[in-house]
Each structure stands twice: as structure tokens, then as C-alpha cells.
Amino acid sequence: MPVGEGLKNLRRKLQISVRQVEVASRRIAEAKNDRRFFISNGWLTQIETRDSEPNICKLVSLSAIYGVPLSDLMKNYGVDINESERLHSLVRPHRTQLSATHFDMANEQIKRNARIELSNSTTVLVAATTELRKQLLLSTDQRFTCGYIGLDDFTMYPMIRPGALVRIDTRQRKIQTAWPNEYNRPIYFIELRNSYACGWCELQGSSLLIIPHHSSKCSVRTFVYMREAEIVGRVTGFDTNCLDGS
């Protein structure tokens, strides 16, 4: 059904005339002292018959008049306001992030655009197999969430390469102090003040040390534990990129 026809049916279901919409919107515009919220009967007729796209102010007025959430009206025009966080993450692919919702879109974007140059001049395509990503993302277990390793984050390279997805067990937040070897050493996902990190961790008094892989050439970072850095959980699985020998 065309969007305009849907708006017309909604108005008729509520038994409201275009003239009544105009009168009601005038009250809203006067209350806000902003004529952008005013809807003339001619404008509404055009929207209902020609599928023109209204501006946000007029949609707010229609939302109030029809008693329908603004988000529902916006979806009629292909806009989902709940996507803002997911879309925001797409424009910041170089930063390590915590999210369980945006990776389907991000993965396609990364496949198309993201190539990064390593210190040995070997090019890596930042993409992993679809099957591995499905295993990480499609879990219904609420104990787990998902993280993304930014394209500039070499902390755990080459064990976990930039562009990888990681599965995080949010129950495991206590930093372990003993492990048999580096392959069994717990890796943690850490929330910082304005960003995230992923790496080995040590506690020294009130300081949390994020320890990089010894082959990464990254430096140890130190934060005040619980004030500047908190453990999100332990990384229990990840997909990572393979070197593209070209």
C-alpha cells in the first residue's frame, strides 16, 4: 500500500477530516510558536495522494493528532530511528566497539571497503567467513554479547586481527591470575571512558593493565580500575582474518 494511502486510511479510521487536522496542527504550531508544525488541508491532501515525503515537524504534528508513535510514522517512509546506533558504528569501523546488532550491515561495508596495511606491507582483507560470523552473532544465550575489533586495533595481533568479531561471556568478569600458557590466558573485553579495548589484563593495586600480544608491537596501557576501565566479560570465541598472500 502506498504510504500516502496508508496515512489517509489512518485518518479516516479515526474519523478525522483534513480540515480538523489543519485546525489541530494550527494549535500545535501556535503552542510551539513554530509554523513548521502547521499542516494545511491542501498539504495533507497532497501527501495522501502523491506520496510526497513530509518534513519531521509535520510528522510530529501528525503523530500527536493521530495518536501514533512518531517512530511508526517514520517507518512508513523507510526510516527506523532505532537504527541510529547501528548506523553510527558503520562510520567508525576503525574503533573497537561493543554491539550485538550492527554487524550484518558492518560486515558488508567492511568487505567492500576495508583494506589495511600491516607493518610488513602485507595487505589483509578485513572479512571473515559468513558461517563463523553467524555462529558468533546468532546465539540466543543472553549471557553472551558481541564485540568488534576496530581496524586500527592491533592489541592482540596476530592472535585476533583487526576486523574480527569476538563473543563475550559477560559472566566472566573476574581477572584470572594463573594460566598454563598464553593460548589459555584469558582475553577480556574492556569498557573505557569513551571507547573499548580487547586484550590480556592484569591488576596491580588499583591499576588495570591491558597487556598486548607480544608480537603486536603495541604498548601496555594502564587505567584506574573501575573508574577508568571496567571488564565487560571474557572473550570466549572469535573469528579473525587470514593473510591474503597477494
Foldseek 3Di string as FASTA:
>chain_A
DQLLQVLVVLCVVVPHALVNLQVQQVVVCVVVVHCLSGDHSVNSVCCNPVVDDRDLSVLVSSCVVSVHDSQVSVVSVVDHPVCPVLVVVLVQQQAKFWAQPNVVVNQVVQQPDDWDADPVRFIFRLHFDPVQVCVQRVDPDPQKTKIAAGQNALQAPPVAHHNKMFIFRQVAFDQDDDDDDPVGHWKFWKDFDPGIHIAHWDDDPQKIWGHGDPPSPDDIDIDREPPGMGTRGTTDDMTHTDGDRD
